[in-house]
Amino acid sequence: MDEQLNKFVLATQNPPVMEVREWLKLHRKSKKPLLNLSQAAPMSPPPDNLLKYLSEQSLLTENHLYGNVLGDIPLREEIVNLWNEEYSSSICVNNVAITSGCNQAFCAAISTIATAGDSILVPVPWYFNHEMWLAIQGINIIPIPCDINMLPDIQTAKKLIDKKTKAIVIVTPNNPTGVEYPSKLVRNISNLARENNLKLVIDETYKNFGNKQSNILYKGKWDEHIIQLYSFSKVYRLTGHRVGLMVASESFIKQVEKFLDTTTICPNRLAQKAAYFGLLNLREFIVKEKLKIEKLKDTFEKELKNIENWSLLGIGGYFAYLGYNSKMDSISIAKKLLTEQNILSIPGDMFFPKSKNLFIKEKRSIRIAFANSTYEEIIDLFKRLRNFVL
């Protein structure tokens, strides 16, 4: 019966996080506790003051009714205030759309930019949900190789642009590598997009956990090509509420409204109230979360120096990206890590093109989502890796 289904959906990989969770069903119980380092999702509830606010808001009738397709005005106005302060920009409410998570923002942006047969340039390794949506839409995904520092090779990117190319997509701090792109690189990629009449989609989901080196330059005629995406999910521990945003030109947002109206009609009202509360009241909370993750990052890097056969390809934001010294494919390595050491991770193969002839060496890698771990869990992780035979 599969032949009756959408060929693009059939050709798209299974959701990687769900795929590795399926491995647990076949996994023998271990005496060691499971170290689930597969997904970048906070395991703790939102801060107490936000929980209290949400409980109060849940009693209000307005939060259970349809709202503005592009999001509630007070939230969008507060985003404008903060963005103009942080980015030295002059955006307005009509430049902002609230979405049901950053993934929906990406889907909305791509669906507005391109159609089946068009091409989008994406650095590899890439965020798998981005690749999945492009594949589902029948859009050609053109991989941009990265250098030894996990930064996209802009000279190669220039050569990959052709008449079918519609946009360049980047994520910074990056998923899966954790690497934060330097300002100069972001500026060069932005110029490349502008000079070739392409859109530049910049996903800054993890910007609150970086060093802010890669802030977008809202200068000149930025709205002709720049589309910024962001998420409130990680920073306020709201992953189950699904709330993100897009900043783009007024004319682009107007077209995006069509996509949003035919999918969710309006963003989750309670989620928007949570994001609004966070913007007004949780700056100190964000600082503490960032410091906590930085300490985990420092511990991770320190421990990695005392281990053989593993190398740090990138780290930052929420992720550490590790290479390994073995000719085994990454899926086999990840399954072996689960079987022998009860460590659940995402294999590098899931961040690269399917072709067995492309990026063979680069695929020998795994992603570790370390940001929601504890100090003790990081120490335990490396104890297990030292006992793991590649």
Protein backbone atom coordinates (compact mmCIF):
# COMPACT_ATOMS: atom_id res chain seq x y z
CA MET A 1 0.00 0.00 0.00
CA ASP A 2 3.01 2.31 0.38
CA GLU A 3 2.93 3.14 -3.32
CA GLN A 4 -0.27 5.09 -2.65
CA LEU A 5 1.52 7.40 -0.21
CA ASN A 6 3.50 10.60 -0.77
CA LYS A 7 6.84 9.52 -2.25
CA PHE A 8 8.65 12.36 -0.52
CA VAL A 9 7.35 11.34 2.92
CA LEU A 10 8.31 7.72 2.25
CA ALA A 11 11.84 8.78 1.29
CA THR A 12 12.32 10.85 4.47
CA GLN A 13 14.24 9.35 7.38
CA ASN A 14 12.40 8.33 10.53
CA PRO A 15 12.56 10.88 13.39
CA PRO A 16 16.03 10.20 14.86
CA VAL A 17 15.12 10.84 18.51
CA MET A 18 12.21 8.42 18.23
CA GLU A 19 14.36 5.97 16.28
CA VAL A 20 16.98 5.68 19.02
CA ARG A 21 14.28 5.45 21.67
CA GLU A 22 13.01 2.38 19.85
CA TRP A 23 16.38 0.77 20.53
CA LEU A 24 15.49 0.82 24.22
CA LYS A 25 12.66 -1.66 23.61
CA LEU A 26 15.16 -4.28 22.47
CA HIS A 27 17.75 -3.29 25.04
CA ARG A 28 18.49 -5.63 27.93
CA LYS A 29 18.16 -4.05 31.35
CA SER A 30 21.49 -2.93 32.74
CA LYS A 31 22.75 -2.52 36.27
CA LYS A 32 24.00 0.91 35.21
CA PRO A 33 21.39 3.68 35.11
CA LEU A 34 20.53 4.86 31.61
CA LEU A 35 22.41 7.98 30.51
CA ASN A 36 19.93 9.43 28.03
CA LEU A 37 21.97 12.01 26.13
CA SER A 38 19.96 11.80 22.93
CA GLN A 39 17.65 14.82 23.09
CA ALA A 40 18.16 18.49 23.95
CA ALA A 41 15.17 18.76 26.24
CA PRO A 42 15.08 20.14 29.79
CA MET A 43 14.00 17.45 32.23
CA SER A 44 12.98 19.95 34.93
CA PRO A 45 9.74 21.97 35.01
CA PRO A 46 9.72 25.73 34.40
CA PRO A 47 10.76 27.94 37.34
CA ASP A 48 8.23 28.20 40.18
CA ASN A 49 7.16 31.78 39.45
CA LEU A 50 6.39 30.84 35.84
CA LEU A 51 4.42 27.78 36.95
CA LYS A 52 2.38 29.93 39.31
CA TYR A 53 1.72 32.46 36.55
CA LEU A 54 0.66 29.70 34.13
CA SER A 55 -1.76 28.22 36.66
CA GLU A 56 -3.40 31.64 37.06
CA GLN A 57 -3.54 32.22 33.31
CA SER A 58 -5.15 28.83 32.72
CA LEU A 59 -8.25 30.10 34.53
CA LEU A 60 -8.79 32.97 32.10
CA THR A 61 -11.27 32.38 29.27
CA GLU A 62 -9.22 34.31 26.69
CA ASN A 63 -6.40 31.78 26.92
CA HIS A 64 -8.66 29.01 25.68
CA LEU A 65 -9.93 30.86 22.61
CA TYR A 66 -8.49 31.48 19.15
CA GLY A 67 -6.00 34.32 19.01
CA ASN A 68 -4.14 36.25 16.33
CA VAL A 69 -2.71 33.97 13.63
CA LEU A 70 0.67 35.70 13.96
CA GLY A 71 0.60 35.69 17.75
CA ASP A 72 -0.60 37.88 20.59
CA ILE A 73 0.29 41.55 20.20
CA PRO A 74 1.74 42.08 23.73
CA LEU A 75 4.25 39.26 23.22
CA ARG A 76 5.23 40.51 19.77
CA GLU A 77 5.62 44.06 21.12
CA GLU A 78 7.90 42.87 23.91
CA ILE A 79 9.99 40.91 21.40
CA VAL A 80 10.34 44.09 19.34
CA ASN A 81 11.50 46.02 22.41
CA LEU A 82 14.12 43.46 23.40
CA TRP A 83 15.32 42.71 19.87
CA ASN A 84 15.80 46.39 19.08
CA GLU A 85 17.82 46.73 22.28
CA GLU A 86 19.93 43.62 21.73
CA TYR A 87 20.46 43.81 17.96
CA SER A 88 20.41 47.61 17.60
CA SER A 89 17.64 47.03 15.09
CA SER A 90 14.45 48.88 14.24
CA ILE A 91 12.03 46.01 13.68
CA CYS A 92 8.30 46.46 14.31
CA VAL A 93 5.42 44.18 15.31
CA ASN A 94 4.70 43.34 11.67
CA ASN A 95 8.20 41.85 11.38
CA VAL A 96 7.39 39.22 14.03
CA ALA A 97 5.38 36.00 13.86
CA ILE A 98 4.90 33.67 16.83
CA THR A 99 4.91 29.99 15.90
CA SER A 100 4.19 26.65 17.53
CA GLY A 101 7.84 25.95 18.23
CA CYS A 102 10.90 26.82 16.18
CA ASN A 103 10.40 23.76 13.97
CA GLN A 104 7.13 25.23 12.74
CA ALA A 105 8.89 28.54 12.13
CA PHE A 106 11.36 26.68 9.91
CA CYS A 107 8.61 24.81 8.06
CA ALA A 108 6.70 28.03 7.51
CA ALA A 109 9.79 29.84 6.23
CA ILE A 110 10.79 27.08 3.82
CA SER A 111 7.24 26.57 2.53
CA THR A 112 7.09 30.29 1.77
CA ILE A 113 10.51 30.34 0.07
CA ALA A 114 10.68 27.19 -2.03
CA THR A 115 8.75 24.46 -3.79
CA ALA A 116 9.53 20.93 -4.98
CA GLY A 117 12.55 20.89 -7.29
CA ASP A 118 14.14 24.00 -5.80
CA SER A 119 17.41 23.77 -3.85
CA ILE A 120 18.46 24.88 -0.37
CA LEU A 121 22.08 24.99 0.86
CA VAL A 122 22.61 23.50 4.34
CA PRO A 123 25.92 22.92 6.18
CA VAL A 124 26.62 19.33 7.23
CA PRO A 125 26.28 17.91 9.76
CA TRP A 126 22.76 19.35 9.74
CA TYR A 127 19.84 19.47 12.16
CA PHE A 128 17.86 16.39 11.16
CA ASN A 129 14.39 17.99 11.45
CA HIS A 130 15.46 20.64 8.94
CA GLU A 131 16.59 17.94 6.53
CA MET A 132 13.37 15.99 7.07
CA TRP A 133 11.11 18.93 6.20
CA LEU A 134 13.10 19.75 3.08
CA ALA A 135 12.90 16.09 2.00
CA ILE A 136 9.15 15.93 2.67
CA GLN A 137 8.69 19.00 0.46
CA GLY A 138 10.70 17.47 -2.38
CA ILE A 139 13.28 20.25 -2.10
CA ASN A 140 16.85 19.40 -3.09
CA ILE A 141 19.19 19.62 -0.11
CA ILE A 142 22.66 20.75 -1.13
CA PRO A 143 25.21 19.98 1.62
CA ILE A 144 27.89 22.56 2.42
CA PRO A 145 30.95 20.80 3.88
CA CYS A 146 32.43 22.15 7.11
CA ASP A 147 36.09 22.63 7.96
CA ILE A 148 38.00 21.08 10.87
CA ASN A 149 36.41 23.67 13.21
CA MET A 150 32.92 22.65 12.12
CA LEU A 151 32.39 25.94 10.28
CA PRO A 152 30.79 25.92 6.81
CA ASP A 153 33.19 26.42 3.90
CA ILE A 154 31.91 29.61 2.30
CA GLN A 155 34.10 29.24 -0.81
CA THR A 156 32.48 25.86 -1.52
CA ALA A 157 29.06 27.36 -0.79
CA LYS A 158 29.64 29.96 -3.52
CA LYS A 159 30.31 27.22 -6.07
CA LEU A 160 27.16 25.30 -5.10
CA ILE A 161 24.75 28.14 -5.90
CA ASP A 162 22.83 27.75 -9.16
CA LYS A 163 19.54 28.90 -10.72
CA LYS A 164 17.51 26.51 -8.55
CA THR A 165 19.00 27.72 -5.27
CA LYS A 166 16.52 29.62 -3.11
CA ALA A 167 18.15 29.92 0.31
CA ILE A 168 20.96 29.11 2.71
CA VAL A 169 20.13 27.69 6.15
CA ILE A 170 22.41 27.96 9.18
CA VAL A 171 21.98 27.11 12.87
CA THR A 172 24.11 28.92 15.45
CA PRO A 173 25.01 27.87 18.09
CA ASN A 174 24.86 24.78 15.97
CA ASN A 175 22.80 21.64 16.29
CA PRO A 176 24.38 19.06 16.30
CA THR A 177 27.95 20.36 16.77
CA GLY A 178 27.35 23.03 19.41
CA VAL A 179 29.72 25.39 17.58
CA GLU A 180 28.84 29.09 17.59
CA TYR A 181 29.54 30.75 14.25
CA PRO A 182 31.80 33.84 14.48
CA SER A 183 30.27 37.19 13.54
CA LYS A 184 32.54 37.52 10.49
CA LEU A 185 31.38 34.18 9.11
CA VAL A 186 27.70 35.02 9.63
CA ARG A 187 28.28 38.37 7.94
CA ASN A 188 30.00 36.70 4.98
CA ILE A 189 27.22 34.14 4.58
CA SER A 190 24.66 36.95 4.81
CA ASN A 191 26.49 38.89 2.09
CA LEU A 192 26.68 35.76 -0.07
CA ALA A 193 22.93 35.27 0.22
CA ARG A 194 22.16 38.92 -0.49
CA GLU A 195 24.49 39.13 -3.50
CA ASN A 196 22.85 36.07 -5.04
CA ASN A 197 19.26 37.10 -4.27
CA LEU A 198 18.84 34.22 -1.79
CA LYS A 199 17.12 34.08 1.57
CA LEU A 200 19.28 33.42 4.63
CA VAL A 201 17.42 31.43 7.28
CA ILE A 202 19.23 31.69 10.63
CA ASP A 203 18.04 29.44 13.45
CA GLU A 204 19.21 30.90 16.77
CA THR A 205 17.35 28.49 19.07
CA TYR A 206 20.36 28.22 21.40
CA LYS A 207 21.53 31.85 21.29
CA ASN A 208 20.99 32.33 25.04
CA PHE A 209 23.58 29.63 25.72
CA GLY A 210 26.24 31.04 23.41
CA ASN A 211 28.59 34.00 23.63
CA LYS A 212 26.44 36.16 21.34
CA GLN A 213 29.24 36.28 18.75
CA SER A 214 26.84 35.53 15.94
CA ASN A 215 24.05 38.04 16.42
CA ILE A 216 22.36 38.92 13.19
CA LEU A 217 23.14 42.32 11.74
CA TYR A 218 19.82 44.06 11.16
CA LYS A 219 21.44 46.75 9.05
CA GLY A 220 20.56 48.35 5.74
CA LYS A 221 18.08 46.39 3.66
CA TRP A 222 18.32 43.30 5.90
CA ASP A 223 14.66 42.47 5.32
CA GLU A 224 15.31 41.63 1.69
CA HIS A 225 17.03 38.38 2.63
CA ILE A 226 17.33 37.66 6.40
CA ILE A 227 14.87 35.39 8.24
CA GLN A 228 15.61 34.76 11.90
CA LEU A 229 14.14 31.85 13.86
CA TYR A 230 14.16 31.45 17.64
CA SER A 231 12.67 29.23 20.34
CA PHE A 232 11.50 29.85 23.90
CA SER A 233 11.36 26.12 24.60
CA LYS A 234 14.81 25.40 26.00
CA VAL A 235 15.47 28.69 27.74
CA TYR A 236 12.26 28.70 29.83
CA ARG A 237 11.81 24.88 29.94
CA LEU A 238 8.69 25.03 27.80
CA THR A 239 9.40 22.23 25.31
CA GLY A 240 5.93 20.69 25.71
CA HIS A 241 4.20 24.02 25.11
CA ARG A 242 5.73 24.64 21.66
CA VAL A 243 6.42 28.32 21.21
CA GLY A 244 8.93 29.96 18.87
CA LEU A 245 9.17 32.94 16.57
CA MET A 246 10.22 34.29 13.21
CA VAL A 247 11.57 37.74 12.35
CA ALA A 248 11.45 38.74 8.68
CA SER A 249 10.21 41.46 6.34
CA GLU A 250 6.59 42.56 6.67
CA SER A 251 5.80 41.23 3.20
CA PHE A 252 7.35 37.84 3.99
CA ILE A 253 5.50 37.55 7.32
CA LYS A 254 2.25 38.31 5.47
CA GLN A 255 2.83 35.28 3.25
CA VAL A 256 3.89 33.13 6.22
CA GLU A 257 0.53 33.95 7.80
CA LYS A 258 -1.14 31.76 5.15
CA PHE A 259 0.92 28.74 6.24
CA LEU A 260 0.27 29.34 9.93
CA ASP A 261 -3.46 29.84 9.45
CA THR A 262 -3.78 26.51 7.65
CA THR A 263 -1.76 24.57 10.23
CA THR A 264 -2.30 25.75 13.81
CA ILE A 265 -4.60 28.76 13.14
CA CYS A 266 -2.96 30.47 16.12
CA PRO A 267 -0.06 29.67 18.46
CA ASN A 268 -0.88 28.08 21.82
CA ARG A 269 -2.26 30.91 23.96
CA LEU A 270 -0.87 29.67 27.30
CA ALA A 271 2.53 29.07 25.71
CA GLN A 272 2.56 32.67 24.51
CA LYS A 273 1.71 33.93 27.99
CA ALA A 274 4.58 31.84 29.35
CA ALA A 275 7.00 33.33 26.81
CA TYR A 276 5.76 36.84 27.61
CA PHE A 277 6.26 36.27 31.33
CA GLY A 278 9.73 34.90 30.67
CA LEU A 279 10.81 37.91 28.64
CA LEU A 280 9.70 40.24 31.43
CA ASN A 281 10.81 38.29 34.48
CA LEU A 282 13.36 35.55 33.79
CA ARG A 283 16.55 37.29 32.67
CA GLU A 284 18.33 36.33 35.89
CA PHE A 285 17.10 32.74 35.51
CA ILE A 286 18.62 32.60 32.00
CA VAL A 287 21.98 33.84 33.30
CA LYS A 288 22.02 31.09 35.95
CA GLU A 289 21.09 28.42 33.41
CA LYS A 290 23.85 29.60 31.07
CA LEU A 291 26.44 29.48 33.89
CA LYS A 292 25.30 25.98 34.85
CA ILE A 293 25.70 24.73 31.28
CA GLU A 294 29.10 26.42 30.95
CA LYS A 295 30.33 24.51 34.03
CA LEU A 296 29.10 21.25 32.51
CA LYS A 297 30.85 22.15 29.26
CA ASP A 298 34.12 22.82 31.12
CA THR A 299 33.84 19.47 32.92
CA PHE A 300 33.11 17.70 29.63
CA GLU A 301 36.17 19.18 27.92
CA LYS A 302 38.41 18.44 30.91
CA GLU A 303 37.32 14.81 31.11
CA LEU A 304 37.70 14.28 27.36
CA LYS A 305 41.42 15.08 27.61
CA ASN A 306 41.90 11.93 29.68
CA ILE A 307 40.40 9.49 27.23
CA GLU A 308 41.68 7.75 24.09
CA ASN A 309 40.02 7.12 20.73
CA TRP A 310 37.53 9.96 21.08
CA SER A 311 37.97 13.53 19.81
CA LEU A 312 35.99 16.71 20.36
CA LEU A 313 34.74 18.02 17.03
CA GLY A 314 32.58 20.74 18.52
CA ILE A 315 30.96 21.82 21.77
CA GLY A 316 28.68 24.62 22.97
CA GLY A 317 25.04 25.53 23.39
CA TYR A 318 23.45 22.21 24.31
CA PHE A 319 25.70 19.76 22.48
CA ALA A 320 29.06 18.07 22.29
CA TYR A 321 29.92 16.47 18.96
CA LEU A 322 32.43 13.63 19.21
CA GLY A 323 34.50 11.83 16.61
CA TYR A 324 35.78 8.32 17.27
CA ASN A 325 38.73 6.27 16.09
CA SER A 326 37.15 3.21 14.50
CA LYS A 327 35.96 2.13 11.07
CA MET A 328 32.60 1.02 12.47
CA ASP A 329 29.66 3.08 11.24
CA SER A 330 28.12 5.47 13.73
CA ILE A 331 24.81 3.62 14.09
CA SER A 332 26.69 0.48 15.10
CA ILE A 333 28.79 2.50 17.55
CA ALA A 334 25.72 4.16 19.08
CA LYS A 335 23.96 0.81 19.50
CA LYS A 336 27.11 -0.69 21.01
CA LEU A 337 27.31 2.22 23.47
CA LEU A 338 23.75 1.49 24.53
CA THR A 339 24.21 -2.26 24.78
CA GLU A 340 27.52 -2.21 26.65
CA GLN A 341 27.45 1.06 28.60
CA ASN A 342 23.76 2.05 28.72
CA ILE A 343 24.48 5.37 26.97
CA LEU A 344 21.83 6.65 24.55
CA SER A 345 23.12 9.10 21.92
CA ILE A 346 22.41 10.14 18.33
CA PRO A 347 24.75 8.68 15.67
CA GLY A 348 26.43 10.95 13.14
CA ASP A 349 24.80 9.15 10.20
CA MET A 350 21.52 10.84 11.11
CA PHE A 351 23.02 14.30 10.48
CA PHE A 352 24.36 13.60 6.98
CA PRO A 353 23.10 12.66 3.50
CA LYS A 354 22.08 9.02 3.15
CA SER A 355 24.56 8.27 0.37
CA LYS A 356 27.16 5.74 1.47
CA ASN A 357 29.72 7.40 -0.77
CA LEU A 358 29.50 10.86 0.82
CA PHE A 359 31.06 12.10 4.06
CA ILE A 360 32.18 8.61 5.09
CA LYS A 361 34.80 9.81 7.57
CA GLU A 362 32.67 12.69 8.90
CA LYS A 363 29.82 10.33 9.74
CA ARG A 364 32.02 8.58 12.29
CA SER A 365 30.66 10.75 15.05
CA ILE A 366 27.97 10.98 17.71
CA ARG A 367 26.01 13.83 19.26
CA ILE A 368 25.90 14.12 23.05
CA ALA A 369 23.20 16.41 24.51
CA PHE A 370 25.03 17.25 27.73
CA ALA A 371 23.23 20.43 28.84
CA ASN A 372 20.58 18.66 30.93
CA SER A 373 23.07 16.41 32.70
CA THR A 374 24.57 16.82 36.14
CA TYR A 375 28.25 17.04 37.03
CA GLU A 376 28.05 13.47 38.38
CA GLU A 377 26.51 12.20 35.14
CA ILE A 378 29.28 13.78 33.05
CA ILE A 379 31.90 12.09 35.24
CA ASP A 380 30.01 8.80 34.94
CA LEU A 381 29.78 9.20 31.16
CA PHE A 382 33.53 9.37 30.79
CA LYS A 383 34.06 6.53 33.21
CA ARG A 384 31.91 4.40 30.92
CA LEU A 385 33.64 5.65 27.76
CA ARG A 386 37.00 4.67 29.25
CA ASN A 387 35.64 1.15 29.68
CA PHE A 388 34.19 1.07 26.17
CA VAL A 389 36.16 -0.81 23.51
CA LEU A 390 35.77 0.71 20.05
